[in-house]
């Protein structure tokens, strides 16, 4: 009987499986290298995504303000400002000063309004008031220095583009 026990013990010892410390260290080093390469690209992508999202949100706020001006038969003002190191959009009734929509604050990677605070007004017919005969622009910037512009035409239509780009100055 002791002979069978030795055979089983030897069989178990010979067939042990697992990873050695060296193999685990190599895998850890590979994961570290891949992470070091991927994280900066992810951060840059996330910053660009937040800028695109902010431009889309501002464009939507402008479209909603235009509709509110027509529905309420009043003048509506949209102001894009820096408040507390964040880009903020305020929509108010120009006649009463009452806020129409809740204040919208952009994501943290959107770090500036190029050219300072910008206000755009819409008449009760949905036209943009002031700003001359051409397009009026709101330009926002992210922490990587990339700009996106929201163009508001005299007719009230708002679109956004990556600036500088040929389409930013073109009338739509």
N, C-alpha and C. Protein backbone atom coordinates (compact mmCIF):
# COMPACT_ATOMS: atom_id res chain seq x y z
N UNK A 1 0.80 -1.22 0.00
CA UNK A 1 0.00 0.00 0.00
C UNK A 1 0.84 1.28 0.00
N UNK A 2 1.91 1.36 0.76
CA UNK A 2 2.68 2.60 0.71
C UNK A 2 3.17 2.89 -0.69
N UNK A 3 3.33 1.85 -1.52
CA UNK A 3 3.80 2.04 -2.87
C UNK A 3 2.79 2.82 -3.71
N UNK A 4 1.51 2.54 -3.58
CA UNK A 4 0.48 3.25 -4.33
C UNK A 4 0.41 4.72 -3.93
N UNK A 5 0.57 5.03 -2.68
CA UNK A 5 0.55 6.40 -2.21
C UNK A 5 1.69 7.21 -2.83
N UNK A 6 2.86 6.62 -2.98
CA UNK A 6 3.98 7.31 -3.59
C UNK A 6 3.72 7.59 -5.07
N UNK A 7 3.09 6.68 -5.75
CA UNK A 7 2.78 6.87 -7.17
C UNK A 7 1.80 8.03 -7.35
N UNK A 8 0.78 8.08 -6.54
CA UNK A 8 -0.22 9.15 -6.63
C UNK A 8 0.43 10.49 -6.30
N UNK A 9 1.27 10.51 -5.25
CA UNK A 9 1.93 11.74 -4.86
C UNK A 9 2.84 12.24 -5.97
N UNK A 10 3.61 11.35 -6.57
CA UNK A 10 4.51 11.72 -7.65
C UNK A 10 3.71 12.19 -8.88
N UNK A 11 2.58 11.57 -9.17
CA UNK A 11 1.73 11.95 -10.30
C UNK A 11 1.18 13.37 -10.11
N UNK A 12 0.75 13.70 -8.92
CA UNK A 12 0.19 15.03 -8.63
C UNK A 12 1.28 16.09 -8.75
N UNK A 13 2.46 15.80 -8.24
CA UNK A 13 3.55 16.78 -8.30
C UNK A 13 4.00 17.04 -9.74
N UNK A 14 4.02 16.02 -10.57
CA UNK A 14 4.48 16.19 -11.93
C UNK A 14 3.48 16.93 -12.81
N UNK A 15 2.21 16.86 -12.51
CA UNK A 15 1.18 17.47 -13.35
C UNK A 15 0.65 18.80 -12.81
N UNK A 16 1.38 19.42 -11.94
CA UNK A 16 0.94 20.72 -11.44
C UNK A 16 1.06 21.74 -12.56
N UNK A 17 0.06 22.61 -12.65
CA UNK A 17 0.10 23.64 -13.69
C UNK A 17 -0.09 25.01 -13.05
N UNK A 18 0.25 26.04 -13.81
CA UNK A 18 0.14 27.41 -13.32
C UNK A 18 1.14 28.28 -14.05
N UNK A 19 1.24 29.52 -13.60
CA UNK A 19 2.16 30.47 -14.23
C UNK A 19 3.32 30.74 -13.30
N UNK A 20 4.47 30.90 -13.87
CA UNK A 20 5.63 31.24 -13.06
C UNK A 20 5.63 32.74 -12.79
N UNK A 21 6.44 33.15 -11.86
CA UNK A 21 6.54 34.57 -11.52
C UNK A 21 7.05 35.37 -12.72
N UNK A 22 7.98 34.82 -13.46
CA UNK A 22 8.52 35.50 -14.63
C UNK A 22 7.44 35.73 -15.69
N UNK A 23 6.62 34.73 -15.93
CA UNK A 23 5.52 34.89 -16.91
C UNK A 23 4.54 35.97 -16.47
N UNK A 24 4.23 36.00 -15.18
CA UNK A 24 3.31 37.02 -14.67
C UNK A 24 3.91 38.42 -14.79
N UNK A 25 5.22 38.54 -14.56
CA UNK A 25 5.88 39.84 -14.67
C UNK A 25 5.90 40.31 -16.13
N UNK A 26 6.09 39.40 -17.07
CA UNK A 26 6.08 39.77 -18.48
C UNK A 26 4.69 40.25 -18.90
N UNK A 27 3.66 39.55 -18.47
CA UNK A 27 2.29 39.97 -18.78
C UNK A 27 2.00 41.34 -18.17
N UNK A 28 2.42 41.55 -16.94
CA UNK A 28 2.23 42.85 -16.30
C UNK A 28 2.94 43.97 -17.05
N UNK A 29 4.15 43.70 -17.52
CA UNK A 29 4.89 44.71 -18.28
C UNK A 29 4.20 45.02 -19.61
N UNK A 30 3.68 44.02 -20.28
CA UNK A 30 2.96 44.24 -21.55
C UNK A 30 1.71 45.08 -21.31
N UNK A 31 0.97 44.77 -20.26
CA UNK A 31 -0.24 45.55 -19.94
C UNK A 31 0.14 46.99 -19.62
N UNK A 32 1.22 47.19 -18.90
CA UNK A 32 1.67 48.55 -18.58
C UNK A 32 2.05 49.34 -19.81
N UNK A 33 2.76 48.71 -20.75
CA UNK A 33 3.17 49.39 -21.97
C UNK A 33 1.96 49.76 -22.82
N UNK A 34 1.03 48.84 -22.98
CA UNK A 34 -0.17 49.11 -23.78
C UNK A 34 -1.00 50.22 -23.13
N UNK A 35 -1.09 50.21 -21.82
CA UNK A 35 -1.83 51.27 -21.12
C UNK A 35 -1.16 52.62 -21.30
N UNK A 36 0.15 52.65 -21.21
CA UNK A 36 0.88 53.91 -21.38
C UNK A 36 0.67 54.49 -22.77
N UNK A 37 0.49 53.63 -23.76
CA UNK A 37 0.24 54.11 -25.12
C UNK A 37 -1.22 54.52 -25.32
N UNK A 38 -2.14 53.84 -24.67
CA UNK A 38 -3.57 54.05 -24.92
C UNK A 38 -4.15 55.24 -24.15
N UNK A 39 -3.72 55.47 -22.93
CA UNK A 39 -4.35 56.49 -22.09
C UNK A 39 -4.25 57.90 -22.69
N UNK A 40 -3.10 58.37 -23.18
CA UNK A 40 -3.08 59.71 -23.77
C UNK A 40 -4.02 59.86 -24.97
N UNK A 41 -4.10 58.82 -25.80
CA UNK A 41 -5.02 58.87 -26.94
C UNK A 41 -6.47 58.93 -26.47
N UNK A 42 -6.79 58.19 -25.43
CA UNK A 42 -8.14 58.21 -24.89
C UNK A 42 -8.48 59.60 -24.34
N UNK A 43 -7.55 60.20 -23.62
CA UNK A 43 -7.81 61.53 -23.05
C UNK A 43 -8.02 62.57 -24.14
N UNK A 44 -7.24 62.49 -25.21
CA UNK A 44 -7.40 63.42 -26.32
C UNK A 44 -8.74 63.19 -27.02
N UNK A 45 -9.09 61.94 -27.23
CA UNK A 45 -10.38 61.61 -27.86
C UNK A 45 -11.52 62.13 -27.00
N UNK A 46 -11.43 61.93 -25.68
CA UNK A 46 -12.49 62.36 -24.78
C UNK A 46 -12.65 63.88 -24.80
N UNK A 47 -11.55 64.60 -24.87
CA UNK A 47 -11.60 66.06 -24.94
C UNK A 47 -12.31 66.52 -26.22
N UNK A 48 -11.98 65.88 -27.34
CA UNK A 48 -12.64 66.22 -28.62
C UNK A 48 -14.13 65.87 -28.57
N UNK A 49 -14.46 64.73 -27.97
CA UNK A 49 -15.86 64.31 -27.88
C UNK A 49 -16.66 65.31 -27.06
N UNK A 50 -16.10 65.77 -25.95
CA UNK A 50 -16.81 66.73 -25.11
C UNK A 50 -17.01 68.07 -25.84
N UNK A 51 -16.03 68.46 -26.65
CA UNK A 51 -16.17 69.70 -27.44
C UNK A 51 -17.28 69.55 -28.47
N UNK A 52 -17.32 68.40 -29.16
CA UNK A 52 -18.40 68.16 -30.14
C UNK A 52 -19.76 68.16 -29.44
N UNK A 53 -19.82 67.52 -28.27
CA UNK A 53 -21.08 67.48 -27.53
C UNK A 53 -21.51 68.88 -27.11
N UNK A 54 -20.56 69.70 -26.67
CA UNK A 54 -20.88 71.07 -26.26
C UNK A 54 -21.40 71.88 -27.44
N UNK A 55 -20.76 71.74 -28.60
CA UNK A 55 -21.22 72.47 -29.80
C UNK A 55 -22.64 72.04 -30.17
N UNK A 56 -22.91 70.77 -30.08
CA UNK A 56 -24.25 70.26 -30.38
C UNK A 56 -25.28 70.78 -29.37
N UNK A 57 -24.91 70.81 -28.09
CA UNK A 57 -25.82 71.29 -27.06
C UNK A 57 -26.11 72.78 -27.22
N UNK A 58 -25.09 73.56 -27.57
CA UNK A 58 -25.31 75.00 -27.79
C UNK A 58 -26.20 75.21 -29.01
N UNK A 59 -25.95 74.44 -30.07
CA UNK A 59 -26.79 74.53 -31.27
C UNK A 59 -28.24 74.20 -30.91
N UNK A 60 -28.45 73.17 -30.10
CA UNK A 60 -29.81 72.80 -29.69
C UNK A 60 -30.46 73.89 -28.84
N UNK A 61 -29.68 74.49 -27.94
CA UNK A 61 -30.21 75.59 -27.14
C UNK A 61 -30.63 76.77 -28.01
N UNK A 62 -29.84 77.06 -29.05
CA UNK A 62 -30.20 78.14 -29.97
C UNK A 62 -31.49 77.82 -30.72
N UNK A 63 -31.63 76.58 -31.17
CA UNK A 63 -32.85 76.19 -31.88
C UNK A 63 -34.07 76.26 -30.95
N UNK A 64 -33.90 75.81 -29.71
CA UNK A 64 -35.00 75.89 -28.75
C UNK A 64 -35.35 77.34 -28.42
N UNK A 65 -34.35 78.19 -28.30
CA UNK A 65 -34.59 79.61 -28.01
C UNK A 65 -35.35 80.26 -29.16
N UNK A 66 -34.98 79.91 -30.37
CA UNK A 66 -35.67 80.46 -31.56
C UNK A 66 -37.14 80.04 -31.54
N UNK A 67 -37.39 78.76 -31.25
CA UNK A 67 -38.78 78.28 -31.18
C UNK A 67 -39.54 78.94 -30.04
N UNK A 68 -38.87 79.13 -28.89
CA UNK A 68 -39.52 79.78 -27.75
C UNK A 68 -39.87 81.22 -28.08
N UNK A 69 -39.01 81.90 -28.81
CA UNK A 69 -39.29 83.29 -29.21
C UNK A 69 -40.54 83.34 -30.08
N UNK A 70 -40.65 82.42 -31.01
CA UNK A 70 -41.83 82.40 -31.90
C UNK A 70 -43.09 81.98 -31.14
N UNK A 71 -42.98 80.98 -30.25
CA UNK A 71 -44.15 80.50 -29.50
C UNK A 71 -44.64 81.53 -28.50
N UNK A 72 -43.75 82.25 -27.87
CA UNK A 72 -44.11 83.21 -26.83
C UNK A 72 -44.34 84.62 -27.39
N UNK A 73 -44.04 84.80 -28.68
CA UNK A 73 -44.18 86.10 -29.33
C UNK A 73 -43.38 87.17 -28.58
N UNK A 74 -42.13 86.86 -28.32
CA UNK A 74 -41.25 87.77 -27.60
C UNK A 74 -39.82 87.61 -28.10
N UNK A 75 -38.93 88.45 -27.64
CA UNK A 75 -37.52 88.35 -27.98
C UNK A 75 -36.82 87.49 -26.93
N UNK A 76 -36.01 86.54 -27.40
CA UNK A 76 -35.29 85.63 -26.50
C UNK A 76 -33.79 85.81 -26.72
N UNK A 77 -33.05 85.88 -25.62
CA UNK A 77 -31.61 86.05 -25.66
C UNK A 77 -30.91 84.78 -25.18
N UNK A 78 -29.92 84.33 -25.95
CA UNK A 78 -29.06 83.21 -25.56
C UNK A 78 -27.67 83.78 -25.33
N UNK A 79 -27.12 83.55 -24.14
CA UNK A 79 -25.80 84.07 -23.80
C UNK A 79 -24.89 82.90 -23.45
N UNK A 80 -23.72 82.87 -24.09
CA UNK A 80 -22.71 81.85 -23.80
C UNK A 80 -21.58 82.57 -23.08
N UNK A 81 -21.32 82.15 -21.83
CA UNK A 81 -20.32 82.83 -20.99
C UNK A 81 -19.44 81.81 -20.28
N UNK A 82 -18.35 82.32 -19.74
CA UNK A 82 -17.51 81.54 -18.82
C UNK A 82 -17.98 81.87 -17.41
N UNK A 83 -18.39 80.86 -16.67
CA UNK A 83 -18.82 81.08 -15.29
C UNK A 83 -18.15 80.02 -14.41
N UNK A 84 -17.29 80.47 -13.53
CA UNK A 84 -16.61 79.52 -12.65
C UNK A 84 -15.74 78.53 -13.40
N UNK A 85 -15.01 78.98 -14.40
CA UNK A 85 -14.11 78.16 -15.22
C UNK A 85 -14.85 77.13 -16.06
N UNK A 86 -16.14 77.33 -16.28
CA UNK A 86 -16.92 76.44 -17.13
C UNK A 86 -17.74 77.26 -18.12
N UNK A 87 -17.92 76.72 -19.30
CA UNK A 87 -18.75 77.38 -20.31
C UNK A 87 -20.21 77.12 -19.95
N UNK A 88 -20.99 78.20 -19.91
CA UNK A 88 -22.38 78.12 -19.48
C UNK A 88 -23.27 78.81 -20.50
N UNK A 89 -24.47 78.24 -20.73
CA UNK A 89 -25.43 78.82 -21.66
C UNK A 89 -26.67 79.24 -20.88
N UNK A 90 -27.04 80.52 -21.01
CA UNK A 90 -28.23 81.08 -20.35
C UNK A 90 -29.22 81.49 -21.42
N UNK A 91 -30.48 81.17 -21.22
CA UNK A 91 -31.54 81.56 -22.16
C UNK A 91 -32.59 82.35 -21.38
N UNK A 92 -32.77 83.61 -21.77
CA UNK A 92 -33.70 84.48 -21.04
C UNK A 92 -34.64 85.20 -21.99
N UNK A 93 -35.77 85.61 -21.43
CA UNK A 93 -36.72 86.47 -22.14
C UNK A 93 -36.14 87.88 -22.09
N UNK A 94 -35.89 88.46 -23.25
CA UNK A 94 -35.23 89.77 -23.31
C UNK A 94 -36.11 90.88 -22.72
N UNK A 95 -37.42 90.73 -22.77
CA UNK A 95 -38.32 91.77 -22.26
C UNK A 95 -38.46 91.73 -20.74
N UNK A 96 -38.63 90.53 -20.18
CA UNK A 96 -38.85 90.44 -18.74
C UNK A 96 -37.58 90.08 -17.96
N UNK A 97 -36.59 89.51 -18.64
CA UNK A 97 -35.37 89.08 -17.96
C UNK A 97 -35.49 87.73 -17.29
N UNK A 98 -36.67 87.10 -17.41
CA UNK A 98 -36.87 85.78 -16.80
C UNK A 98 -36.13 84.70 -17.58
N UNK A 99 -35.62 83.76 -16.83
CA UNK A 99 -34.92 82.64 -17.47
C UNK A 99 -35.96 81.69 -18.06
N UNK A 100 -35.74 81.28 -19.33
CA UNK A 100 -36.70 80.43 -20.02
C UNK A 100 -36.36 78.95 -19.82
N UNK A 101 -35.11 78.60 -20.04
CA UNK A 101 -34.66 77.22 -19.87
C UNK A 101 -33.65 77.17 -18.73
N UNK A 102 -33.45 75.99 -18.18
CA UNK A 102 -32.45 75.85 -17.13
C UNK A 102 -31.06 76.14 -17.69
N UNK A 103 -30.20 76.65 -16.84
CA UNK A 103 -28.83 76.97 -17.23
C UNK A 103 -28.13 75.68 -17.62
N UNK A 104 -27.43 75.72 -18.73
CA UNK A 104 -26.74 74.53 -19.23
C UNK A 104 -25.24 74.76 -19.10
N UNK A 105 -24.57 73.87 -18.35
CA UNK A 105 -23.13 73.96 -18.16
C UNK A 105 -22.46 72.86 -18.97
N UNK A 106 -21.42 73.23 -19.71
CA UNK A 106 -20.72 72.28 -20.56
C UNK A 106 -19.77 71.41 -19.75
N UNK A 107 -19.33 70.33 -20.36
CA UNK A 107 -18.44 69.37 -19.71
C UNK A 107 -17.06 69.99 -19.44
N UNK A 108 -16.28 69.40 -18.52
CA UNK A 108 -15.05 70.04 -18.05
C UNK A 108 -13.95 70.29 -19.09
N UNK A 109 -13.87 69.51 -20.15
CA UNK A 109 -12.81 69.71 -21.14
C UNK A 109 -13.09 70.91 -22.05
N UNK A 110 -14.31 71.45 -22.02
CA UNK A 110 -14.64 72.65 -22.79
C UNK A 110 -14.25 73.82 -21.90
N UNK A 111 -13.16 74.51 -22.28
CA UNK A 111 -12.53 75.44 -21.35
C UNK A 111 -12.66 76.92 -21.69
N UNK A 112 -13.27 77.25 -22.81
CA UNK A 112 -13.32 78.68 -23.11
C UNK A 112 -14.28 79.06 -24.21
N UNK A 113 -14.68 80.34 -24.17
CA UNK A 113 -15.45 80.96 -25.23
C UNK A 113 -14.50 81.95 -25.89
N UNK A 114 -14.14 81.68 -27.13
CA UNK A 114 -13.19 82.53 -27.84
C UNK A 114 -13.85 83.87 -28.14
N UNK A 115 -13.19 84.95 -27.78
CA UNK A 115 -13.74 86.28 -28.01
C UNK A 115 -14.62 86.77 -26.88
N UNK A 116 -14.69 86.04 -25.80
CA UNK A 116 -15.47 86.49 -24.64
C UNK A 116 -16.93 86.10 -24.74
N UNK A 117 -17.74 86.59 -23.80
CA UNK A 117 -19.17 86.25 -23.77
C UNK A 117 -19.86 86.65 -25.08
N UNK A 118 -20.76 85.82 -25.52
CA UNK A 118 -21.49 86.07 -26.75
C UNK A 118 -22.97 85.96 -26.48
N UNK A 119 -23.73 86.95 -26.97
CA UNK A 119 -25.19 86.92 -26.84
C UNK A 119 -25.81 86.96 -28.23
N UNK A 120 -26.85 86.17 -28.39
CA UNK A 120 -27.61 86.15 -29.65
C UNK A 120 -29.07 86.28 -29.29
N UNK A 121 -29.75 87.17 -30.00
CA UNK A 121 -31.18 87.37 -29.74
C UNK A 121 -31.99 86.91 -30.94
N UNK A 122 -33.16 86.34 -30.63
CA UNK A 122 -34.12 85.92 -31.66
C UNK A 122 -35.40 86.72 -31.49
N UNK A 123 -35.92 87.20 -32.63
CA UNK A 123 -37.16 87.98 -32.60
C UNK A 123 -38.36 87.03 -32.51
N UNK A 124 -39.52 87.60 -32.35
CA UNK A 124 -40.74 86.79 -32.27
C UNK A 124 -41.06 86.10 -33.59
N UNK A 125 -40.42 86.53 -34.69
CA UNK A 125 -40.58 85.85 -35.98
C UNK A 125 -39.51 84.77 -36.19
N UNK A 126 -38.59 84.64 -35.25
CA UNK A 126 -37.55 83.62 -35.35
C UNK A 126 -36.28 84.08 -36.03
N UNK A 127 -36.20 85.37 -36.36
CA UNK A 127 -34.99 85.91 -36.98
C UNK A 127 -33.98 86.32 -35.92
N UNK A 128 -32.71 86.26 -36.28
CA UNK A 128 -31.67 86.74 -35.39
C UNK A 128 -31.65 88.25 -35.42
N UNK A 129 -31.58 88.86 -34.26
CA UNK A 129 -31.52 90.32 -34.16
C UNK A 129 -30.07 90.73 -33.95
N UNK A 130 -29.66 91.82 -34.61
CA UNK A 130 -28.31 92.33 -34.43
C UNK A 130 -27.27 91.42 -35.08
N UNK A 131 -26.01 91.76 -34.91
CA UNK A 131 -24.94 90.95 -35.46
C UNK A 131 -24.66 91.20 -36.93
N UNK A 132 -25.26 92.20 -37.51
CA UNK A 132 -25.00 92.50 -38.92
C UNK A 132 -25.77 91.60 -39.87
N UNK A 133 -25.41 91.71 -41.17
CA UNK A 133 -26.14 90.97 -42.20
C UNK A 133 -25.58 89.56 -42.41
N UNK A 134 -24.36 89.30 -41.99
CA UNK A 134 -23.75 87.98 -42.18
C UNK A 134 -24.02 87.07 -41.00
N UNK A 135 -23.33 85.96 -41.02
CA UNK A 135 -23.46 84.99 -39.94
C UNK A 135 -22.79 85.53 -38.68
N UNK A 136 -23.35 85.14 -37.54
CA UNK A 136 -22.75 85.46 -36.25
C UNK A 136 -22.22 84.16 -35.67
N UNK A 137 -21.04 84.20 -35.04
CA UNK A 137 -20.40 82.98 -34.56
C UNK A 137 -20.22 82.97 -33.05
N UNK A 138 -20.37 81.78 -32.49
CA UNK A 138 -19.98 81.50 -31.12
C UNK A 138 -18.89 80.45 -31.25
N UNK A 139 -17.69 80.75 -30.75
CA UNK A 139 -16.59 79.80 -30.86
C UNK A 139 -16.18 79.33 -29.47
N UNK A 140 -16.17 78.02 -29.30
CA UNK A 140 -15.77 77.43 -28.03
C UNK A 140 -14.48 76.65 -28.23
N UNK A 141 -13.75 76.45 -27.14
CA UNK A 141 -12.43 75.82 -27.21
C UNK A 141 -12.30 74.77 -26.12
N UNK A 142 -11.53 73.69 -26.44
CA UNK A 142 -11.27 72.68 -25.41
C UNK A 142 -9.88 72.85 -24.84
N UNK A 143 -9.51 71.99 -23.90
CA UNK A 143 -8.22 72.11 -23.22
C UNK A 143 -7.04 71.74 -24.11
N UNK A 144 -7.27 71.24 -25.32
CA UNK A 144 -6.20 70.96 -26.28
C UNK A 144 -6.05 72.09 -27.30
N UNK A 145 -6.83 73.17 -27.16
CA UNK A 145 -6.74 74.30 -28.06
C UNK A 145 -7.52 74.13 -29.35
N UNK A 146 -8.38 73.12 -29.44
CA UNK A 146 -9.20 72.90 -30.63
C UNK A 146 -10.47 73.73 -30.51
N UNK A 147 -10.86 74.39 -31.59
CA UNK A 147 -12.05 75.25 -31.61
C UNK A 147 -13.16 74.63 -32.44
N UNK A 148 -14.39 74.85 -31.99
CA UNK A 148 -15.59 74.56 -32.79
C UNK A 148 -16.41 75.84 -32.79
N UNK A 149 -17.01 76.14 -33.93
CA UNK A 149 -17.83 77.35 -34.05
C UNK A 149 -19.28 76.99 -34.32
N UNK A 150 -20.17 77.74 -33.69
CA UNK A 150 -21.59 77.62 -33.95
C UNK A 150 -21.96 78.87 -34.75
N UNK A 151 -22.48 78.66 -35.93
CA UNK A 151 -22.82 79.75 -36.85
C UNK A 151 -24.32 79.98 -36.77
N UNK A 152 -24.73 81.24 -36.58
CA UNK A 152 -26.14 81.60 -36.56
C UNK A 152 -26.38 82.57 -37.70
N UNK A 153 -27.18 82.15 -38.65
CA UNK A 153 -27.48 82.99 -39.82
C UNK A 153 -28.56 84.01 -39.48
N UNK A 154 -28.69 85.08 -40.27
CA UNK A 154 -29.71 86.10 -39.99
C UNK A 154 -31.13 85.51 -39.92
N UNK A 155 -31.38 84.44 -40.66
CA UNK A 155 -32.70 83.81 -40.63
C UNK A 155 -32.94 83.01 -39.36
N UNK A 156 -31.91 82.85 -38.51
CA UNK A 156 -32.08 82.17 -37.24
C UNK A 156 -31.55 80.74 -37.21
N UNK A 157 -31.19 80.19 -38.37
CA UNK A 157 -30.70 78.81 -38.41
C UNK A 157 -29.31 78.73 -37.80
N UNK A 158 -29.09 77.71 -36.95
CA UNK A 158 -27.80 77.53 -36.29
C UNK A 158 -27.21 76.19 -36.70
N UNK A 159 -25.92 76.21 -37.04
CA UNK A 159 -25.17 74.99 -37.35
C UNK A 159 -23.80 75.11 -36.69
N UNK A 160 -23.11 73.99 -36.54
CA UNK A 160 -21.77 74.07 -35.98
C UNK A 160 -20.77 73.37 -36.89
N UNK A 161 -19.52 73.77 -36.76
CA UNK A 161 -18.45 73.18 -37.56
C UNK A 161 -17.14 73.27 -36.80
N UNK A 162 -16.18 72.46 -37.23
CA UNK A 162 -14.83 72.53 -36.68
C UNK A 162 -14.18 73.75 -37.30
N UNK A 163 -13.61 74.61 -36.50
CA UNK A 163 -13.01 75.80 -37.08
C UNK A 163 -11.50 75.76 -36.87
N UNK A 164 -10.72 76.32 -37.76
CA UNK A 164 -11.19 76.94 -38.99
C UNK A 164 -11.45 75.86 -40.05
N UNK A 165 -12.52 76.03 -40.76
CA UNK A 165 -12.88 75.11 -41.83
C UNK A 165 -13.57 75.91 -42.92
N UNK A 166 -13.50 75.44 -44.16
CA UNK A 166 -14.15 76.18 -45.26
C UNK A 166 -15.64 76.35 -45.06
N UNK A 167 -16.28 75.40 -44.38
CA UNK A 167 -17.74 75.46 -44.23
C UNK A 167 -18.17 76.43 -43.15
N UNK A 168 -17.26 76.85 -42.27
CA UNK A 168 -17.66 77.75 -41.18
C UNK A 168 -18.14 79.09 -41.70
N UNK A 169 -17.51 79.61 -42.72
CA UNK A 169 -17.90 80.92 -43.23
C UNK A 169 -18.94 80.86 -44.33
N UNK A 170 -19.26 79.67 -44.81
CA UNK A 170 -20.21 79.55 -45.93
C UNK A 170 -21.63 79.68 -45.41
N UNK A 171 -22.46 80.34 -46.17
CA UNK A 171 -23.87 80.44 -45.78
C UNK A 171 -24.57 79.15 -46.13
N UNK A 172 -25.46 78.74 -45.26
CA UNK A 172 -26.16 77.46 -45.45
C UNK A 172 -27.57 77.69 -45.93
